């Protein structure tokens, strides 16, 4: 549940871009390795990282570094966190400042 004005603004900014909403939708369906997700979306990994960082700051996405058997490189996987966003009059009245 959203507790503060700042938290609500971060969530709003994160969801205010159609690409980020699409990324979040994909991450709700399954977890993705950064390279595969960038390729599926048709965008650069650098741009994808910027979008994912915004989603992470909003608390909607989390990541994990993993070593796969037979691959010496650590891979970063992303997935959606469990969340529920309700914005109504009561929610807004009870938001904390700052």
PDB file of N, CA and C in Angstrom:
ATOM      1  N   UNK A   1       0.834  -1.185   0.000  1.00  0.00           N
ATOM      2  CA  UNK A   1       0.000   0.000   0.000  1.00  0.00           C
ATOM      3  C   UNK A   1       0.875   1.243   0.000  1.00  0.00           C
ATOM      4  N   UNK A   2       0.515   2.219  -0.761  1.00  0.00           N
ATOM      5  CA  UNK A   2       1.275   3.461  -0.876  1.00  0.00           C
ATOM      6  C   UNK A   2       1.148   4.244   0.431  1.00  0.00           C
ATOM      7  N   UNK A   3       2.316   4.654   0.986  1.00  0.00           N
ATOM      8  CA  UNK A   3       2.344   5.325   2.282  1.00  0.00           C
ATOM      9  C   UNK A   3       2.585   6.827   2.193  1.00  0.00           C
ATOM     10  N   UNK A   4       3.378   7.249   1.190  1.00  0.00           N
ATOM     11  CA  UNK A   4       3.766   8.661   1.143  1.00  0.00           C
ATOM     12  C   UNK A   4       3.562   9.257  -0.242  1.00  0.00           C
ATOM     13  N   UNK A   5       3.554  10.578  -0.270  1.00  0.00           N
ATOM     14  CA  UNK A   5       3.432  11.294  -1.545  1.00  0.00           C
ATOM     15  C   UNK A   5       4.599  10.941  -2.460  1.00  0.00           C
ATOM     16  N   UNK A   6       5.823  10.922  -1.899  1.00  0.00           N
ATOM     17  CA  UNK A   6       7.002  10.596  -2.710  1.00  0.00           C
ATOM     18  C   UNK A   6       6.894   9.208  -3.335  1.00  0.00           C
ATOM     19  N   UNK A   7       6.423   8.250  -2.557  1.00  0.00           N
ATOM     20  CA  UNK A   7       6.270   6.890  -3.061  1.00  0.00           C
ATOM     21  C   UNK A   7       5.257   6.843  -4.201  1.00  0.00           C
ATOM     22  N   UNK A   8       4.154   7.534  -4.052  1.00  0.00           N
ATOM     23  CA  UNK A   8       3.125   7.587  -5.093  1.00  0.00           C
ATOM     24  C   UNK A   8       3.659   8.236  -6.364  1.00  0.00           C
ATOM     25  N   UNK A   9       4.442   9.293  -6.198  1.00  0.00           N
ATOM     26  CA  UNK A   9       5.023   9.979  -7.357  1.00  0.00           C
ATOM     27  C   UNK A   9       6.003   9.057  -8.089  1.00  0.00           C
ATOM     28  N   UNK A  10       6.843   8.306  -7.354  1.00  0.00           N
ATOM     29  CA  UNK A  10       7.785   7.368  -7.986  1.00  0.00           C
ATOM     30  C   UNK A  10       7.037   6.304  -8.791  1.00  0.00           C
ATOM     31  N   UNK A  11       5.964   5.797  -8.214  1.00  0.00           N
ATOM     32  CA  UNK A  11       5.166   4.792  -8.917  1.00  0.00           C
ATOM     33  C   UNK A  11       4.527   5.401 -10.165  1.00  0.00           C
ATOM     34  N   UNK A  12       3.988   6.605 -10.020  1.00  0.00           N
ATOM     35  CA  UNK A  12       3.376   7.283 -11.167  1.00  0.00           C
ATOM     36  C   UNK A  12       4.364   7.542 -12.279  1.00  0.00           C
ATOM     37  N   UNK A  13       5.561   7.983 -11.910  1.00  0.00           N
ATOM     38  CA  UNK A  13       6.600   8.225 -12.925  1.00  0.00           C
ATOM     39  C   UNK A  13       7.008   6.922 -13.600  1.00  0.00           C
ATOM     40  N   UNK A  14       7.140   5.856 -12.812  1.00  0.00           N
ATOM     41  CA  UNK A  14       7.537   4.562 -13.379  1.00  0.00           C
ATOM     42  C   UNK A  14       6.492   4.038 -14.356  1.00  0.00           C
ATOM     43  N   UNK A  15       5.216   4.236 -14.041  1.00  0.00           N
ATOM     44  CA  UNK A  15       4.145   3.724 -14.893  1.00  0.00           C
ATOM     45  C   UNK A  15       3.714   4.718 -15.971  1.00  0.00           C
ATOM     46  N   UNK A  16       4.370   5.882 -15.999  1.00  0.00           N
ATOM     47  CA  UNK A  16       4.005   6.925 -16.952  1.00  0.00           C
ATOM     48  C   UNK A  16       4.644   6.768 -18.319  1.00  0.00           C
ATOM     49  N   UNK A  17       5.268   5.627 -18.566  1.00  0.00           N
ATOM     50  CA  UNK A  17       5.924   5.380 -19.844  1.00  0.00           C
ATOM     51  C   UNK A  17       5.442   4.034 -20.386  1.00  0.00           C
ATOM     52  N   UNK A  18       4.942   3.997 -21.615  1.00  0.00           N
ATOM     53  CA  UNK A  18       4.389   2.750 -22.168  1.00  0.00           C
ATOM     54  C   UNK A  18       5.407   1.600 -22.220  1.00  0.00           C
ATOM     55  N   UNK A  19       6.670   1.907 -22.480  1.00  0.00           N
ATOM     56  CA  UNK A  19       7.697   0.850 -22.520  1.00  0.00           C
ATOM     57  C   UNK A  19       7.841   0.220 -21.135  1.00  0.00           C
ATOM     58  N   UNK A  20       7.861   1.066 -20.079  1.00  0.00           N
ATOM     59  CA  UNK A  20       8.000   0.530 -18.720  1.00  0.00           C
ATOM     60  C   UNK A  20       6.781  -0.315 -18.338  1.00  0.00           C
ATOM     61  N   UNK A  21       5.608   0.081 -18.765  1.00  0.00           N
ATOM     62  CA  UNK A  21       4.409  -0.724 -18.485  1.00  0.00           C
ATOM     63  C   UNK A  21       4.524  -2.070 -19.202  1.00  0.00           C
ATOM     64  N   UNK A  22       5.008  -2.057 -20.427  1.00  0.00           N
ATOM     65  CA  UNK A  22       5.192  -3.308 -21.176  1.00  0.00           C
ATOM     66  C   UNK A  22       6.237  -4.193 -20.488  1.00  0.00           C
ATOM     67  N   UNK A  23       7.336  -3.584 -20.030  1.00  0.00           N
ATOM     68  CA  UNK A  23       8.378  -4.336 -19.312  1.00  0.00           C
ATOM     69  C   UNK A  23       7.778  -4.963 -18.060  1.00  0.00           C
ATOM     70  N   UNK A  24       7.023  -4.184 -17.298  1.00  0.00           N
ATOM     71  CA  UNK A  24       6.422  -4.689 -16.071  1.00  0.00           C
ATOM     72  C   UNK A  24       5.451  -5.830 -16.368  1.00  0.00           C
ATOM     73  N   UNK A  25       4.671  -5.684 -17.426  1.00  0.00           N
ATOM     74  CA  UNK A  25       3.749  -6.754 -17.831  1.00  0.00           C
ATOM     75  C   UNK A  25       4.517  -8.039 -18.127  1.00  0.00           C
ATOM     76  N   UNK A  26       5.609  -7.931 -18.863  1.00  0.00           N
ATOM     77  CA  UNK A  26       6.418  -9.099 -19.205  1.00  0.00           C
ATOM     78  C   UNK A  26       7.028  -9.729 -17.954  1.00  0.00           C
ATOM     79  N   UNK A  27       7.461  -8.878 -17.021  1.00  0.00           N
ATOM     80  CA  UNK A  27       8.076  -9.382 -15.798  1.00  0.00           C
ATOM     81  C   UNK A  27       7.048  -9.992 -14.846  1.00  0.00           C
ATOM     82  N   UNK A  28       5.791  -9.632 -14.992  1.00  0.00           N
ATOM     83  CA  UNK A  28       4.721 -10.272 -14.211  1.00  0.00           C
ATOM     84  C   UNK A  28       4.459 -11.684 -14.720  1.00  0.00           C
ATOM     85  N   UNK A  29       4.736 -11.912 -15.996  1.00  0.00           N
ATOM     86  CA  UNK A  29       4.497 -13.227 -16.596  1.00  0.00           C
ATOM     87  C   UNK A  29       5.608 -14.218 -16.272  1.00  0.00           C
ATOM     88  N   UNK A  30       6.860 -13.736 -16.243  1.00  0.00           N
ATOM     89  CA  UNK A  30       8.007 -14.593 -15.912  1.00  0.00           C
ATOM     90  C   UNK A  30       9.218 -13.706 -15.656  1.00  0.00           C
ATOM     91  N   UNK A  31      10.277 -14.303 -15.090  1.00  0.00           N
ATOM     92  CA  UNK A  31      11.504 -13.534 -14.917  1.00  0.00           C
ATOM     93  C   UNK A  31      12.315 -13.578 -16.209  1.00  0.00           C
ATOM     94  N   UNK A  32      13.090 -12.523 -16.410  1.00  0.00           N
ATOM     95  CA  UNK A  32      13.853 -12.403 -17.648  1.00  0.00           C
ATOM     96  C   UNK A  32      15.304 -12.060 -17.346  1.00  0.00           C
ATOM     97  N   UNK A  33      16.187 -12.605 -18.165  1.00  0.00           N
ATOM     98  CA  UNK A  33      17.591 -12.218 -18.197  1.00  0.00           C
ATOM     99  C   UNK A  33      17.676 -10.948 -19.039  1.00  0.00           C
ATOM    100  N   UNK A  34      18.476 -10.000 -18.616  1.00  0.00           N
ATOM    101  CA  UNK A  34      18.516  -8.662 -19.230  1.00  0.00           C
ATOM    102  C   UNK A  34      18.711  -8.717 -20.746  1.00  0.00           C
ATOM    103  N   UNK A  35      19.608  -9.567 -21.227  1.00  0.00           N
ATOM    104  CA  UNK A  35      19.894  -9.644 -22.659  1.00  0.00           C
ATOM    105  C   UNK A  35      18.663 -10.130 -23.431  1.00  0.00           C
ATOM    106  N   UNK A  36      18.007 -11.162 -22.895  1.00  0.00           N
ATOM    107  CA  UNK A  36      16.813 -11.708 -23.568  1.00  0.00           C
ATOM    108  C   UNK A  36      15.678 -10.687 -23.596  1.00  0.00           C
ATOM    109  N   UNK A  37      15.508  -9.978 -22.500  1.00  0.00           N
ATOM    110  CA  UNK A  37      14.447  -8.976 -22.416  1.00  0.00           C
ATOM    111  C   UNK A  37      14.697  -7.837 -23.402  1.00  0.00           C
ATOM    112  N   UNK A  38      15.935  -7.363 -23.491  1.00  0.00           N
ATOM    113  CA  UNK A  38      16.277  -6.288 -24.432  1.00  0.00           C
ATOM    114  C   UNK A  38      16.019  -6.737 -25.869  1.00  0.00           C
ATOM    115  N   UNK A  39      16.412  -7.953 -26.165  1.00  0.00           N
ATOM    116  CA  UNK A  39      16.211  -8.480 -27.522  1.00  0.00           C
ATOM    117  C   UNK A  39      14.719  -8.601 -27.836  1.00  0.00           C
ATOM    118  N   UNK A  40      13.946  -9.104 -26.894  1.00  0.00           N
ATOM    119  CA  UNK A  40      12.497  -9.263 -27.090  1.00  0.00           C
ATOM    120  C   UNK A  40      11.810  -7.916 -27.313  1.00  0.00           C
ATOM    121  N   UNK A  41      12.272  -6.884 -26.589  1.00  0.00           N
ATOM    122  CA  UNK A  41      11.679  -5.553 -26.706  1.00  0.00           C
ATOM    123  C   UNK A  41      12.222  -4.764 -27.897  1.00  0.00           C
ATOM    124  N   UNK A  42      13.362  -5.197 -28.430  1.00  0.00           N
ATOM    125  CA  UNK A  42      13.976  -4.486 -29.552  1.00  0.00           C
ATOM    126  C   UNK A  42      14.623  -3.167 -29.141  1.00  0.00           C
ATOM    127  N   UNK A  43      15.133  -3.113 -27.895  1.00  0.00           N
ATOM    128  CA  UNK A  43      15.825  -1.911 -27.423  1.00  0.00           C
ATOM    129  C   UNK A  43      17.204  -2.299 -26.893  1.00  0.00           C
ATOM    130  N   UNK A  44      18.079  -1.315 -26.750  1.00  0.00           N
ATOM    131  CA  UNK A  44      19.423  -1.587 -26.258  1.00  0.00           C
ATOM    132  C   UNK A  44      19.385  -1.946 -24.776  1.00  0.00           C
ATOM    133  N   UNK A  45      20.405  -2.694 -24.339  1.00  0.00           N
ATOM    134  CA  UNK A  45      20.483  -3.036 -22.919  1.00  0.00           C
ATOM    135  C   UNK A  45      20.641  -1.789 -22.064  1.00  0.00           C
ATOM    136  N   UNK A  46      21.367  -0.799 -22.574  1.00  0.00           N
ATOM    137  CA  UNK A  46      21.563   0.443 -21.824  1.00  0.00           C
ATOM    138  C   UNK A  46      20.228   1.142 -21.565  1.00  0.00           C
ATOM    139  N   UNK A  47      19.399   1.229 -22.588  1.00  0.00           N
ATOM    140  CA  UNK A  47      18.087   1.858 -22.431  1.00  0.00           C
ATOM    141  C   UNK A  47      17.207   1.017 -21.502  1.00  0.00           C
ATOM    142  N   UNK A  48      17.276  -0.287 -21.660  1.00  0.00           N
ATOM    143  CA  UNK A  48      16.508  -1.175 -20.792  1.00  0.00           C
ATOM    144  C   UNK A  48      16.914  -1.004 -19.329  1.00  0.00           C
ATOM    145  N   UNK A  49      18.218  -0.904 -19.072  1.00  0.00           N
ATOM    146  CA  UNK A  49      18.691  -0.689 -17.701  1.00  0.00           C
ATOM    147  C   UNK A  49      18.084   0.583 -17.100  1.00  0.00           C
ATOM    148  N   UNK A  50      17.998   1.650 -17.879  1.00  0.00           N
ATOM    149  CA  UNK A  50      17.411   2.900 -17.382  1.00  0.00           C
ATOM    150  C   UNK A  50      15.944   2.699 -16.993  1.00  0.00           C
ATOM    151  N   UNK A  51      15.201   1.995 -17.838  1.00  0.00           N
ATOM    152  CA  UNK A  51      13.801   1.726 -17.542  1.00  0.00           C
ATOM    153  C   UNK A  51      13.663   0.842 -16.294  1.00  0.00           C
ATOM    154  N   UNK A  52      14.501  -0.200 -16.208  1.00  0.00           N
ATOM    155  CA  UNK A  52      14.429  -1.117 -15.072  1.00  0.00           C
ATOM    156  C   UNK A  52      14.803  -0.421 -13.766  1.00  0.00           C
ATOM    157  N   UNK A  53      15.768   0.484 -13.842  1.00  0.00           N
ATOM    158  CA  UNK A  53      16.169   1.233 -12.638  1.00  0.00           C
ATOM    159  C   UNK A  53      14.994   2.052 -12.103  1.00  0.00           C
ATOM    160  N   UNK A  54      14.248   2.674 -12.992  1.00  0.00           N
ATOM    161  CA  UNK A  54      13.072   3.468 -12.603  1.00  0.00           C
ATOM    162  C   UNK A  54      12.017   2.561 -11.951  1.00  0.00           C
ATOM    163  N   UNK A  55      11.800   1.385 -12.526  1.00  0.00           N
ATOM    164  CA  UNK A  55      10.836   0.438 -11.970  1.00  0.00           C
ATOM    165  C   UNK A  55      11.307  -0.101 -10.619  1.00  0.00           C
ATOM    166  N   UNK A  56      12.608  -0.314 -10.482  1.00  0.00           N
ATOM    167  CA  UNK A  56      13.154  -0.781  -9.201  1.00  0.00           C
ATOM    168  C   UNK A  56      13.008   0.286  -8.118  1.00  0.00           C
ATOM    169  N   UNK A  57      13.300   1.543  -8.465  1.00  0.00           N
ATOM    170  CA  UNK A  57      13.165   2.637  -7.499  1.00  0.00           C
ATOM    171  C   UNK A  57      11.735   2.773  -6.996  1.00  0.00           C
ATOM    172  N   UNK A  58      10.782   2.437  -7.847  1.00  0.00           N
ATOM    173  CA  UNK A  58       9.367   2.512  -7.477  1.00  0.00           C
ATOM    174  C   UNK A  58       8.923   1.279  -6.681  1.00  0.00           C
ATOM    175  N   UNK A  59       9.817   0.295  -6.541  1.00  0.00           N
ATOM    176  CA  UNK A  59       9.484  -0.903  -5.779  1.00  0.00           C
ATOM    177  C   UNK A  59       8.640  -1.913  -6.531  1.00  0.00           C
ATOM    178  N   UNK A  60       8.617  -1.804  -7.853  1.00  0.00           N
ATOM    179  CA  UNK A  60       7.777  -2.693  -8.658  1.00  0.00           C
ATOM    180  C   UNK A  60       8.537  -3.900  -9.210  1.00  0.00           C
ATOM    181  N   UNK A  61       9.873  -3.779  -9.266  1.00  0.00           N
ATOM    182  CA  UNK A  61      10.722  -4.789  -9.887  1.00  0.00           C
ATOM    183  C   UNK A  61      11.899  -5.071  -8.966  1.00  0.00           C
ATOM    184  N   UNK A  62      12.382  -6.317  -9.007  1.00  0.00           N
ATOM    185  CA  UNK A  62      13.590  -6.676  -8.267  1.00  0.00           C
ATOM    186  C   UNK A  62      14.492  -7.506  -9.173  1.00  0.00           C
ATOM    187  N   UNK A  63      15.770  -7.555  -8.812  1.00  0.00           N
ATOM    188  CA  UNK A  63      16.731  -8.289  -9.631  1.00  0.00           C
ATOM    189  C   UNK A  63      17.573  -9.197  -8.749  1.00  0.00           C
ATOM    190  N   UNK A  64      18.201 -10.170  -9.421  1.00  0.00           N
ATOM    191  CA  UNK A  64      19.048 -11.124  -8.723  1.00  0.00           C
ATOM    192  C   UNK A  64      20.180 -11.545  -9.655  1.00  0.00           C
ATOM    193  N   UNK A  65      21.412 -11.502  -9.134  1.00  0.00           N
ATOM    194  CA  UNK A  65      22.561 -12.011  -9.884  1.00  0.00           C
ATOM    195  C   UNK A  65      22.635 -13.512  -9.662  1.00  0.00           C
ATOM    196  N   UNK A  66      22.869 -14.254 -10.736  1.00  0.00           N
ATOM    197  CA  UNK A  66      22.870 -15.702 -10.650  1.00  0.00           C
ATOM    198  C   UNK A  66      23.984 -16.292 -11.499  1.00  0.00           C
ATOM    199  N   UNK A  67      24.574 -17.359 -10.995  1.00  0.00           N
ATOM    200  CA  UNK A  67      25.527 -18.141 -11.783  1.00  0.00           C
ATOM    201  C   UNK A  67      24.795 -19.372 -12.285  1.00  0.00           C
ATOM    202  N   UNK A  68      24.751 -19.526 -13.604  1.00  0.00           N
ATOM    203  CA  UNK A  68      24.130 -20.709 -14.189  1.00  0.00           C
ATOM    204  C   UNK A  68      25.183 -21.793 -14.360  1.00  0.00           C
ATOM    205  N   UNK A  69      24.809 -23.051 -14.175  1.00  0.00           N
ATOM    206  CA  UNK A  69      25.774 -24.149 -14.362  1.00  0.00           C
ATOM    207  C   UNK A  69      26.377 -24.123 -15.763  1.00  0.00           C
ATOM    208  N   UNK A  70      27.676 -24.254 -15.831  1.00  0.00           N
ATOM    209  CA  UNK A  70      28.356 -24.278 -17.118  1.00  0.00           C
ATOM    210  C   UNK A  70      28.637 -22.906 -17.710  1.00  0.00           C
ATOM    211  N   UNK A  71      28.232 -21.840 -17.042  1.00  0.00           N
ATOM    212  CA  UNK A  71      28.485 -20.474 -17.533  1.00  0.00           C
ATOM    213  C   UNK A  71      29.225 -19.705 -16.443  1.00  0.00           C
ATOM    214  N   UNK A  72      30.467 -19.288 -16.713  1.00  0.00           N
ATOM    215  CA  UNK A  72      31.258 -18.617 -15.672  1.00  0.00           C
ATOM    216  C   UNK A  72      30.811 -17.181 -15.367  1.00  0.00           C
ATOM    217  N   UNK A  73      29.946 -16.620 -16.199  1.00  0.00           N
ATOM    218  CA  UNK A  73      29.508 -15.238 -15.994  1.00  0.00           C
ATOM    219  C   UNK A  73      28.238 -15.182 -15.152  1.00  0.00           C
ATOM    220  N   UNK A  74      28.205 -14.211 -14.267  1.00  0.00           N
ATOM    221  CA  UNK A  74      26.980 -13.979 -13.494  1.00  0.00           C
ATOM    222  C   UNK A  74      25.979 -13.268 -14.400  1.00  0.00           C
ATOM    223  N   UNK A  75      24.721 -13.688 -14.328  1.00  0.00           N
ATOM    224  CA  UNK A  75      23.667 -13.072 -15.126  1.00  0.00           C
ATOM    225  C   UNK A  75      22.673 -12.411 -14.184  1.00  0.00           C
ATOM    226  N   UNK A  76      22.176 -11.260 -14.599  1.00  0.00           N
ATOM    227  CA  UNK A  76      21.203 -10.546 -13.793  1.00  0.00           C
ATOM    228  C   UNK A  76      19.807 -10.840 -14.337  1.00  0.00           C
ATOM    229  N   UNK A  77      18.957 -11.391 -13.475  1.00  0.00           N
ATOM    230  CA  UNK A  77      17.577 -11.700 -13.821  1.00  0.00           C
ATOM    231  C   UNK A  77      16.650 -10.710 -13.130  1.00  0.00           C
ATOM    232  N   UNK A  78      15.591 -10.333 -13.819  1.00  0.00           N
ATOM    233  CA  UNK A  78      14.607  -9.389 -13.283  1.00  0.00           C
ATOM    234  C   UNK A  78      13.250 -10.060 -13.199  1.00  0.00           C
ATOM    235  N   UNK A  79      12.486  -9.669 -12.197  1.00  0.00           N
ATOM    236  CA  UNK A  79      11.113 -10.145 -12.033  1.00  0.00           C
ATOM    237  C   UNK A  79      10.304  -9.048 -11.355  1.00  0.00           C
ATOM    238  N   UNK A  80       9.004  -9.127 -11.533  1.00  0.00           N
ATOM    239  CA  UNK A  80       8.105  -8.178 -10.877  1.00  0.00           C
ATOM    240  C   UNK A  80       7.957  -8.578  -9.412  1.00  0.00           C
ATOM    241  N   UNK A  81       7.919  -7.586  -8.548  1.00  0.00           N
ATOM    242  CA  UNK A  81       7.612  -7.828  -7.140  1.00  0.00           C
ATOM    243  C   UNK A  81       6.100  -7.897  -6.995  1.00  0.00           C
ATOM    244  N   UNK A  82       5.642  -8.533  -5.952  1.00  0.00           N
ATOM    245  CA  UNK A  82       4.204  -8.531  -5.653  1.00  0.00           C
ATOM    246  C   UNK A  82       3.821  -7.117  -5.234  1.00  0.00           C
ATOM    247  N   UNK A  83       2.790  -6.581  -5.854  1.00  0.00           N
ATOM    248  CA  UNK A  83       2.339  -5.243  -5.476  1.00  0.00           C
ATOM    249  C   UNK A  83       0.854  -5.115  -5.746  1.00  0.00           C
ATOM    250  N   UNK A  84       0.269  -4.172  -5.072  1.00  0.00           N
ATOM    251  CA  UNK A  84      -1.132  -3.810  -5.294  1.00  0.00           C
ATOM    252  C   UNK A  84      -1.206  -2.310  -5.079  1.00  0.00           C
ATOM    253  N   UNK A  85      -1.687  -1.611  -6.079  1.00  0.00           N
ATOM    254  CA  UNK A  85      -1.773  -0.159  -6.008  1.00  0.00           C
ATOM    255  C   UNK A  85      -3.238   0.240  -6.028  1.00  0.00           C
ATOM    256  N   UNK A  86      -3.666   0.904  -4.963  1.00  0.00           N
ATOM    257  CA  UNK A  86      -5.020   1.423  -4.885  1.00  0.00           C
ATOM    258  C   UNK A  86      -4.910   2.914  -4.619  1.00  0.00           C
ATOM    259  N   UNK A  87      -5.504   3.693  -5.497  1.00  0.00           N
ATOM    260  CA  UNK A  87      -5.502   5.148  -5.317  1.00  0.00           C
ATOM    261  C   UNK A  87      -6.952   5.601  -5.315  1.00  0.00           C
ATOM    262  N   UNK A  88      -7.391   5.975  -4.148  1.00  0.00           N
ATOM    263  CA  UNK A  88      -8.736   6.513  -4.023  1.00  0.00           C
ATOM    264  C   UNK A  88      -8.690   7.705  -3.063  1.00  0.00           C
ATOM    265  N   UNK A  89      -9.818   8.258  -2.775  1.00  0.00           N
ATOM    266  CA  UNK A  89      -9.852   9.446  -1.918  1.00  0.00           C
ATOM    267  C   UNK A  89      -9.231   9.187  -0.551  1.00  0.00           C
ATOM    268  N   UNK A  90      -9.545   8.035   0.024  1.00  0.00           N
ATOM    269  CA  UNK A  90      -9.010   7.704   1.357  1.00  0.00           C
ATOM    270  C   UNK A  90      -7.496   7.545   1.309  1.00  0.00           C
ATOM    271  N   UNK A  91      -6.995   6.881   0.282  1.00  0.00           N
ATOM    272  CA  UNK A  91      -5.555   6.710   0.136  1.00  0.00           C
ATOM    273  C   UNK A  91      -4.861   8.059   0.081  1.00  0.00           C
ATOM    274  N   UNK A  92      -5.384   8.962  -0.725  1.00  0.00           N
ATOM    275  CA  UNK A  92      -4.775  10.287  -0.879  1.00  0.00           C
ATOM    276  C   UNK A  92      -4.825  11.078   0.420  1.00  0.00           C
ATOM    277  N   UNK A  93      -5.932  11.000   1.139  1.00  0.00           N
ATOM    278  CA  UNK A  93      -6.055  11.742   2.404  1.00  0.00           C
ATOM    279  C   UNK A  93      -5.057  11.245   3.448  1.00  0.00           C
ATOM    280  N   UNK A  94      -4.697   9.965   3.387  1.00  0.00           N
ATOM    281  CA  UNK A  94      -3.815   9.370   4.392  1.00  0.00           C
ATOM    282  C   UNK A  94      -2.343   9.349   4.014  1.00  0.00           C
ATOM    283  N   UNK A  95      -1.970   9.911   2.860  1.00  0.00           N
ATOM    284  CA  UNK A  95      -0.561   9.950   2.455  1.00  0.00           C
ATOM    285  C   UNK A  95       0.244  10.837   3.393  1.00  0.00           C
ATOM    286  N   UNK A  96       1.444  10.364   3.729  1.00  0.00           N
ATOM    287  CA  UNK A  96       2.359  11.145   4.546  1.00  0.00           C
ATOM    288  C   UNK A  96       3.098  12.132   3.682  1.00  0.00           C
ATOM    289  N   UNK A  97       3.421  13.278   4.219  1.00  0.00           N
ATOM    290  CA  UNK A  97       4.218  14.273   3.501  1.00  0.00           C
ATOM    291  C   UNK A  97       5.648  13.774   3.378  1.00  0.00           C
ATOM    292  N   UNK A  98       6.294  14.142   2.235  1.00  0.00           N
ATOM    293  CA  UNK A  98       7.718  13.860   2.082  1.00  0.00           C
ATOM    294  C   UNK A  98       8.094  12.489   1.781  1.00  0.00           C
TER     295      UNK A  98
END
